[in-house]
Amino acid sequence: MAHESENQTLLQTPLYSLHMEAGAKMVPFAGYEMPVQYSLGVKKEHLHCRAAAGLFDVSHMGQLRLKGENAAAMLETLVPVDIIDLPAGKQRYAFFTNEQGGILDDLMVANMGDHLFVVVNAACKQQDIEHLKQHLAEGVELEIIEDRALLALQGPQAVDVLAELQPQVSQMLFMDVAQLTIDGVECIVSRSGYTGEDGFEISVPSEHAAAVAQKLMTNDAVEWIGLGARDSLRLECGLCLYGHDLDPTTTPVEASLLWGIQKVRRNEGARAGGFPGADVILSQIESKQVNRKRVGLIGQSKAPVREGCKLFDSQGNEIGIVTSGTSGPTAGKPVSMGYVSTEFAAIGSEVMAEVRGKLLPMTVEKMPFVPQRYYRG
């Protein structure tokens, strides 16, 4: 199977030719040819997004619709998240769990009024679709959206750029979602993103995606940003990457995602439990007992501490592993996240990371490493 997948033809997003024109370096990612960086390079792209506005092609993500009056109740049987009370015009972060309480994928769910609009990770797209199909309730329809691209416009100037084409976006708050016309094209726009900056994710019909992207790129504030900077931007802001910081063996409590489980789904809540692994997850919340925790780590030397580096205590005992790491272009110091034994999870704890045979000191620090700048009004 592995050999077959290596020889599979990679898919291309509707913006492929624009990436090539922009001098993108393309790499295989989740079955697609995706831009990892452009001529600016990863560090300058990262800093540009923090200072102005960056345009990302995230069309490889899965876009789905759940229709039917029981759609929210059905989705609640698969996630420990409050979907039923999610107001129309709002979106929420969620995660599928398994019977062991592990995380199968994380996703975004938006209430569009007459249906739920769901965005799932590219690498998990097929398994998520199968998971939903297996648990479809009567009267609930799953529609796999094949004819839309997804753009992310991120950074402090994103709102000014997009408001030139659609003034209503400036009225939106963080996690608002609306159907809006951008440059004459019907789009689904949410004020959200994966960089920690203010910004928008824009679902646009595939045949109009290149035209909308080109229109956005005519603004001097906007530069194309690739997957490389997308990764360093999200990491500085303490956001998880599925398959690295989250996986089926890791519970939301271990992953420090307790904020994503609303009180109504916890013990004593009106709709407590009723999702896969509820007994495990709710007992961890009650007892506050887990063996390991996801933490932020700051390097005390200049060397970046990357994914896979083992973590040790001062006596040389192995206590954890790094799951993401970068040089931290905005933070100005190496930043990582990883899992450590719970006794080392307190802010200020000192741990040692093994990098190329050397032990480098790191300090557990509160995330995000740079301030999140979501627009809450």
Protein backbone atom coordinates (compact mmCIF):
# COMPACT_ATOMS: atom_id res chain seq x y z
CA MET A 1 0.00 0.00 0.00
CA ALA A 2 2.77 2.43 0.93
CA HIS A 3 4.44 1.84 -2.42
CA GLU A 4 1.19 2.46 -4.29
CA SER A 5 0.51 5.73 -2.51
CA GLU A 6 3.99 7.00 -3.40
CA ASN A 7 3.17 6.54 -7.09
CA GLN A 8 -0.30 8.06 -6.87
CA THR A 9 -0.89 11.12 -9.00
CA LEU A 10 -0.94 14.15 -6.72
CA LEU A 11 -4.05 16.29 -6.82
CA GLN A 12 -3.84 20.00 -7.60
CA THR A 13 -5.94 22.79 -6.11
CA PRO A 14 -7.76 25.27 -8.38
CA LEU A 15 -4.94 27.75 -7.61
CA TYR A 16 -2.09 25.54 -8.83
CA SER A 17 -1.21 27.69 -11.87
CA LEU A 18 -1.13 30.83 -9.67
CA HIS A 19 1.36 29.15 -7.34
CA MET A 20 3.57 28.25 -10.26
CA GLU A 21 3.42 31.82 -11.59
CA ALA A 22 4.32 33.10 -8.12
CA GLY A 23 7.47 30.93 -8.04
CA ALA A 24 6.22 28.52 -5.39
CA LYS A 25 8.27 25.53 -4.32
CA MET A 26 5.71 22.71 -4.48
CA VAL A 27 5.76 19.62 -2.22
CA PRO A 28 3.48 16.60 -1.76
CA PHE A 29 1.13 17.18 1.18
CA ALA A 30 -1.96 15.10 2.08
CA GLY A 31 -2.21 13.85 -1.50
CA TYR A 32 -1.90 17.31 -3.08
CA GLU A 33 0.86 19.33 -4.68
CA MET A 34 1.04 22.25 -2.26
CA PRO A 35 3.23 25.38 -2.00
CA VAL A 36 5.66 25.07 0.91
CA GLN A 37 7.16 28.52 0.23
CA TYR A 38 7.43 31.27 -2.38
CA SER A 39 10.33 33.48 -3.43
CA LEU A 40 10.20 35.48 -0.17
CA GLY A 41 11.14 32.38 1.83
CA VAL A 42 9.57 30.96 4.98
CA LYS A 43 10.90 33.49 7.51
CA LYS A 44 9.96 36.60 5.49
CA GLU A 45 6.54 35.12 4.68
CA HIS A 46 5.98 34.49 8.41
CA LEU A 47 6.96 38.04 9.35
CA HIS A 48 4.91 39.54 6.51
CA CYS A 49 1.78 37.76 7.73
CA ARG A 50 2.32 39.12 11.25
CA ALA A 51 2.88 42.66 9.90
CA ALA A 52 0.44 42.98 6.97
CA ALA A 53 -1.64 40.29 5.23
CA GLY A 54 -0.88 36.82 3.92
CA LEU A 55 -2.89 34.72 1.46
CA PHE A 56 -2.89 30.94 1.96
CA ASP A 57 -4.31 28.26 -0.31
CA VAL A 58 -5.93 25.70 2.01
CA SER A 59 -8.14 24.10 -0.65
CA HIS A 60 -6.78 20.66 0.30
CA MET A 61 -8.93 20.76 3.44
CA GLY A 62 -12.21 18.85 3.41
CA GLN A 63 -15.42 20.89 3.15
CA LEU A 64 -18.68 19.16 4.11
CA ARG A 65 -22.33 19.99 4.75
CA LEU A 66 -24.58 18.24 7.25
CA LYS A 67 -28.26 18.85 6.50
CA GLY A 68 -31.43 17.93 8.35
CA GLU A 69 -33.05 19.08 11.58
CA ASN A 70 -31.15 16.45 13.61
CA ALA A 71 -27.74 17.33 12.15
CA ALA A 72 -26.49 19.12 15.29
CA ALA A 73 -27.75 16.40 17.63
CA MET A 74 -26.12 13.75 15.44
CA LEU A 75 -22.77 15.55 15.37
CA GLU A 76 -22.90 15.83 19.18
CA THR A 77 -22.80 12.02 19.37
CA LEU A 78 -19.31 12.17 17.80
CA VAL A 79 -17.73 15.22 19.50
CA PRO A 80 -17.55 16.41 23.16
CA VAL A 81 -18.57 19.88 21.99
CA ASP A 82 -21.78 21.93 22.24
CA ILE A 83 -23.17 21.91 18.69
CA ILE A 84 -26.90 22.09 19.48
CA ASP A 85 -26.62 25.54 21.08
CA LEU A 86 -24.22 26.92 18.45
CA PRO A 87 -26.00 30.05 17.18
CA ALA A 88 -26.64 30.56 13.47
CA GLY A 89 -23.81 32.62 11.99
CA LYS A 90 -21.21 31.25 14.45
CA GLN A 91 -18.49 28.64 14.13
CA ARG A 92 -16.81 26.49 16.78
CA TYR A 93 -13.70 24.32 17.13
CA ALA A 94 -14.43 20.62 17.69
CA PHE A 95 -12.73 17.21 17.65
CA PHE A 96 -13.84 13.67 16.88
CA THR A 97 -12.98 11.22 19.67
CA ASN A 98 -12.62 7.44 19.78
CA GLU A 99 -13.78 4.95 22.44
CA GLN A 100 -10.45 5.35 24.29
CA GLY A 101 -10.94 9.13 24.49
CA GLY A 102 -8.26 9.76 21.84
CA ILE A 103 -8.61 12.44 19.16
CA LEU A 104 -9.39 11.20 15.61
CA ASP A 105 -9.25 14.69 14.06
CA ASP A 106 -9.94 18.31 14.90
CA LEU A 107 -12.37 20.33 12.81
CA MET A 108 -14.38 23.53 12.48
CA VAL A 109 -18.19 23.50 12.59
CA ALA A 110 -20.28 26.47 11.44
CA ASN A 111 -24.05 26.89 11.82
CA MET A 112 -25.23 28.29 8.48
CA GLY A 113 -28.87 28.39 9.60
CA ASP A 114 -30.28 25.61 7.42
CA HIS A 115 -27.21 23.33 7.61
CA LEU A 116 -23.86 22.79 9.33
CA PHE A 117 -20.74 23.66 7.31
CA VAL A 118 -17.82 21.51 8.46
CA VAL A 119 -14.11 21.85 7.58
CA VAL A 120 -11.85 18.88 8.33
CA ASN A 121 -8.11 18.30 7.94
CA ALA A 122 -6.80 17.22 4.54
CA ALA A 123 -4.91 14.17 5.79
CA CYS A 124 -7.99 12.89 7.69
CA LYS A 125 -10.60 13.86 5.09
CA GLN A 126 -11.50 10.34 3.87
CA GLN A 127 -11.57 8.75 7.32
CA ASP A 128 -13.69 11.63 8.67
CA ILE A 129 -16.19 11.23 5.82
CA GLU A 130 -16.41 7.48 6.52
CA HIS A 131 -16.79 8.15 10.25
CA LEU A 132 -19.70 10.54 9.60
CA LYS A 133 -21.32 8.16 7.09
CA GLN A 134 -21.22 5.30 9.61
CA HIS A 135 -22.99 7.42 12.22
CA LEU A 136 -25.50 9.33 10.06
CA ALA A 137 -28.81 9.65 11.89
CA GLU A 138 -32.12 9.24 10.11
CA GLY A 139 -33.03 12.35 8.15
CA VAL A 140 -29.46 13.71 8.22
CA GLU A 141 -27.68 14.08 4.88
CA LEU A 142 -23.92 14.39 4.42
CA GLU A 143 -22.83 16.37 1.38
CA ILE A 144 -19.15 16.26 0.39
CA ILE A 145 -18.30 19.58 -1.23
CA GLU A 146 -16.05 18.91 -4.22
CA ASP A 147 -16.47 22.18 -6.12
CA ARG A 148 -15.13 24.80 -3.71
CA ALA A 149 -11.63 26.07 -2.95
CA LEU A 150 -10.61 27.48 0.45
CA LEU A 151 -8.50 30.61 0.92
CA ALA A 152 -7.20 32.06 4.17
CA LEU A 153 -6.41 35.77 4.36
CA GLN A 154 -4.54 36.41 7.60
CA GLY A 155 -2.81 39.29 9.36
CA PRO A 156 -3.52 42.71 10.87
CA GLN A 157 -4.36 44.25 7.47
CA ALA A 158 -6.58 41.35 6.32
CA VAL A 159 -9.79 43.12 7.31
CA ASP A 160 -8.89 46.29 5.36
CA VAL A 161 -7.99 44.25 2.28
CA LEU A 162 -11.19 42.18 2.32
CA ALA A 163 -13.45 45.12 3.28
CA GLU A 164 -12.49 46.84 0.02
CA LEU A 165 -14.27 44.00 -1.78
CA GLN A 166 -17.01 43.38 0.82
CA PRO A 167 -17.50 46.09 3.50
CA GLN A 168 -19.64 43.80 5.70
CA VAL A 169 -16.61 41.79 6.81
CA SER A 170 -15.46 44.65 9.04
CA GLN A 171 -18.61 44.13 11.17
CA MET A 172 -17.83 40.46 11.79
CA LEU A 173 -16.30 39.24 15.07
CA PHE A 174 -13.94 36.32 15.68
CA MET A 175 -15.72 33.03 14.80
CA ASP A 176 -18.59 34.76 12.96
CA VAL A 177 -19.51 33.11 9.66
CA ALA A 178 -21.66 34.44 6.81
CA GLN A 179 -22.53 33.93 3.16
CA LEU A 180 -21.22 37.04 1.43
CA THR A 181 -20.51 38.19 -2.12
CA ILE A 182 -16.84 38.96 -2.75
CA ASP A 183 -16.09 40.59 -6.09
CA GLY A 184 -19.42 39.26 -7.39
CA VAL A 185 -18.78 35.68 -6.18
CA GLU A 186 -20.93 33.92 -3.54
CA CYS A 187 -18.55 32.91 -0.71
CA ILE A 188 -18.76 31.44 2.78
CA VAL A 189 -16.63 33.72 4.96
CA SER A 190 -15.59 33.11 8.56
CA ARG A 191 -13.52 35.49 10.68
CA SER A 192 -11.05 32.88 11.84
CA GLY A 193 -7.79 31.24 10.89
CA TYR A 194 -4.74 29.26 11.91
CA THR A 195 -2.11 31.94 12.48
CA GLY A 196 -3.21 33.62 15.73
CA GLU A 197 -3.76 36.82 13.74
CA ASP A 198 -7.04 38.45 12.82
CA GLY A 199 -8.19 37.18 9.44
CA PHE A 200 -10.69 35.26 7.36
CA GLU A 201 -11.22 31.88 5.78
CA ILE A 202 -13.07 32.11 2.48
CA SER A 203 -14.78 29.16 0.80
CA VAL A 204 -15.17 30.06 -2.86
CA PRO A 205 -16.53 28.15 -5.88
CA SER A 206 -13.57 26.48 -7.63
CA GLU A 207 -14.16 28.15 -10.98
CA HIS A 208 -13.89 31.61 -9.38
CA ALA A 209 -11.08 30.81 -6.90
CA ALA A 210 -8.20 32.03 -9.07
CA ALA A 211 -10.00 35.29 -9.91
CA VAL A 212 -10.78 36.02 -6.22
CA ALA A 213 -7.19 35.17 -5.21
CA GLN A 214 -5.77 37.40 -7.97
CA LYS A 215 -8.04 40.24 -6.87
CA LEU A 216 -6.79 39.93 -3.28
CA MET A 217 -3.19 39.80 -4.52
CA THR A 218 -3.57 43.15 -6.31
CA ASN A 219 -3.46 44.77 -2.86
CA ASP A 220 0.12 45.74 -1.94
CA ALA A 221 -0.42 44.51 1.63
CA VAL A 222 -0.91 40.89 0.49
CA GLU A 223 1.75 38.24 -0.16
CA TRP A 224 1.34 34.53 -0.86
CA ILE A 225 2.26 32.41 2.18
CA GLY A 226 3.18 28.71 1.98
CA LEU A 227 2.84 25.71 4.27
CA GLY A 228 6.23 26.37 5.89
CA ALA A 229 5.22 29.71 7.37
CA ARG A 230 1.71 28.42 8.08
CA ASP A 231 3.34 25.88 10.39
CA SER A 232 5.60 28.37 12.21
CA LEU A 233 2.74 30.90 12.54
CA ARG A 234 0.34 28.38 14.12
CA LEU A 235 3.02 27.02 16.43
CA GLU A 236 3.97 30.46 17.81
CA CYS A 237 0.28 30.89 18.65
CA GLY A 238 0.04 27.55 20.45
CA LEU A 239 -2.28 25.92 17.89
CA CYS A 240 -2.13 22.15 17.40
CA LEU A 241 -1.38 20.31 14.17
CA TYR A 242 -3.26 17.04 13.84
CA GLY A 243 -0.98 14.02 13.41
CA HIS A 244 1.79 15.79 15.30
CA ASP A 245 0.45 17.43 18.48
CA LEU A 246 -2.82 15.46 18.44
CA ASP A 247 -3.44 11.80 17.60
CA PRO A 248 -5.76 8.86 18.40
CA THR A 249 -3.76 7.98 21.55
CA THR A 250 -4.06 11.49 23.05
CA THR A 251 -7.12 12.69 24.96
CA PRO A 252 -8.33 16.32 24.89
CA VAL A 253 -7.36 16.62 28.57
CA GLU A 254 -3.78 15.49 27.91
CA ALA A 255 -3.74 17.84 24.89
CA SER A 256 -4.72 20.84 27.08
CA LEU A 257 -7.90 21.34 25.01
CA LEU A 258 -10.29 21.46 27.96
CA TRP A 259 -11.51 24.89 26.76
CA GLY A 260 -13.02 23.07 23.75
CA ILE A 261 -15.36 20.98 25.92
CA GLN A 262 -18.27 23.20 27.00
CA LYS A 263 -19.86 22.72 30.44
CA VAL A 264 -23.11 21.43 28.93
CA ARG A 265 -21.24 18.28 27.72
CA ARG A 266 -19.37 17.70 31.01
CA ASN A 267 -20.56 15.93 34.15
CA GLU A 268 -23.52 17.83 35.67
CA GLY A 269 -24.15 19.44 32.27
CA ALA A 270 -27.58 19.17 30.60
CA ARG A 271 -26.13 16.99 27.79
CA ALA A 272 -23.21 15.38 29.61
CA GLY A 273 -21.37 12.60 27.80
CA GLY A 274 -22.94 10.75 24.90
CA PHE A 275 -19.80 10.92 22.74
CA PRO A 276 -17.11 8.25 22.13
CA GLY A 277 -14.68 7.93 25.05
CA ALA A 278 -16.88 10.06 27.33
CA ASP A 279 -16.18 7.91 30.39
CA VAL A 280 -12.41 8.32 29.94
CA ILE A 281 -12.47 12.04 29.14
CA LEU A 282 -15.01 13.05 31.79
CA SER A 283 -13.23 11.06 34.51
CA GLN A 284 -9.94 12.77 33.57
CA ILE A 285 -11.65 16.16 33.87
CA GLU A 286 -13.16 15.25 37.26
CA SER A 287 -10.03 13.70 38.76
CA LYS A 288 -7.61 16.17 37.13
CA GLN A 289 -5.42 13.08 36.74
CA VAL A 290 -3.47 12.46 33.53
CA ASN A 291 0.04 11.08 33.12
CA ARG A 292 1.18 13.66 30.58
CA LYS A 293 0.26 17.12 29.34
CA ARG A 294 0.86 19.19 26.22
CA VAL A 295 3.03 22.19 27.11
CA GLY A 296 4.84 25.06 25.45
CA LEU A 297 8.63 25.00 25.59
CA ILE A 298 11.12 27.83 25.08
CA GLY A 299 14.71 26.98 24.15
CA GLN A 300 17.43 28.64 26.20
CA SER A 301 19.95 28.27 23.36
CA LYS A 302 19.67 29.41 19.74
CA ALA A 303 19.10 25.95 18.24
CA PRO A 304 15.52 25.11 17.20
CA VAL A 305 14.21 21.98 18.95
CA ARG A 306 12.22 20.04 16.36
CA GLU A 307 9.55 17.36 16.40
CA GLY A 308 10.80 14.00 17.67
CA CYS A 309 13.42 15.34 20.10
CA LYS A 310 13.26 13.47 23.41
CA LEU A 311 12.88 15.37 26.68
CA PHE A 312 14.69 14.52 29.94
CA ASP A 313 14.73 15.69 33.55
CA SER A 314 17.90 16.89 35.28
CA GLN A 315 18.68 13.29 36.35
CA GLY A 316 18.61 12.09 32.73
CA ASN A 317 15.24 10.29 32.96
CA GLU A 318 13.16 10.47 29.77
CA ILE A 319 10.01 12.47 30.55
CA GLY A 320 8.49 13.37 27.19
CA ILE A 321 8.82 14.28 23.53
CA VAL A 322 8.66 17.36 21.32
CA THR A 323 5.77 17.24 18.82
CA SER A 324 6.35 20.59 17.01
CA GLY A 325 9.27 23.01 16.94
CA THR A 326 10.44 26.11 15.10
CA SER A 327 12.98 28.91 15.37
CA GLY A 328 10.16 31.31 16.33
CA PRO A 329 10.66 34.21 13.88
CA THR A 330 8.34 36.59 15.79
CA ALA A 331 8.98 35.23 19.28
CA GLY A 332 12.70 35.77 18.64
CA LYS A 333 13.66 32.47 20.27
CA PRO A 334 13.21 28.74 19.60
CA VAL A 335 9.67 27.63 20.47
CA SER A 336 8.33 24.09 20.67
CA MET A 337 5.39 22.21 22.04
CA GLY A 338 5.35 18.67 23.28
CA TYR A 339 4.20 16.28 25.95
CA VAL A 340 5.82 15.91 29.37
CA SER A 341 5.05 13.85 32.46
CA THR A 342 2.49 15.84 34.44
CA GLU A 343 4.92 16.67 37.26
CA PHE A 344 7.02 18.68 34.76
CA ALA A 345 4.05 20.51 33.17
CA ALA A 346 4.04 23.52 35.53
CA ILE A 347 5.05 26.86 34.00
CA GLY A 348 8.73 27.50 34.70
CA SER A 349 9.73 23.82 34.88
CA GLU A 350 13.18 23.12 33.44
CA VAL A 351 13.63 20.20 31.06
CA MET A 352 16.41 19.07 28.73
CA ALA A 353 15.93 18.37 25.02
CA GLU A 354 18.21 15.99 23.16
CA VAL A 355 19.33 17.64 19.91
CA ARG A 356 21.98 15.84 17.84
CA GLY A 357 23.35 14.06 20.90
CA LYS A 358 23.50 17.21 23.07
CA LEU A 359 21.15 18.07 25.92
CA LEU A 360 19.81 21.63 25.56
CA PRO A 361 17.91 23.34 28.39
CA MET A 362 14.28 24.35 27.81
CA THR A 363 11.68 26.02 30.01
CA VAL A 364 7.98 25.22 30.13
CA GLU A 365 6.18 28.42 29.19
CA LYS A 366 2.56 29.51 28.82
CA MET A 367 1.20 29.44 25.28
CA PRO A 368 0.66 31.27 22.99
CA PHE A 369 4.29 32.39 22.63
CA VAL A 370 3.15 35.55 20.80
CA PRO A 371 -0.18 37.27 21.55
CA GLN A 372 -3.24 36.06 19.64
CA ARG A 373 -4.90 39.01 17.92
CA TYR A 374 -8.37 37.70 17.11
CA TYR A 375 -10.95 40.45 16.62
CA ARG A 376 -13.58 40.20 19.36
CA GLY A 377 -14.97 43.73 18.99
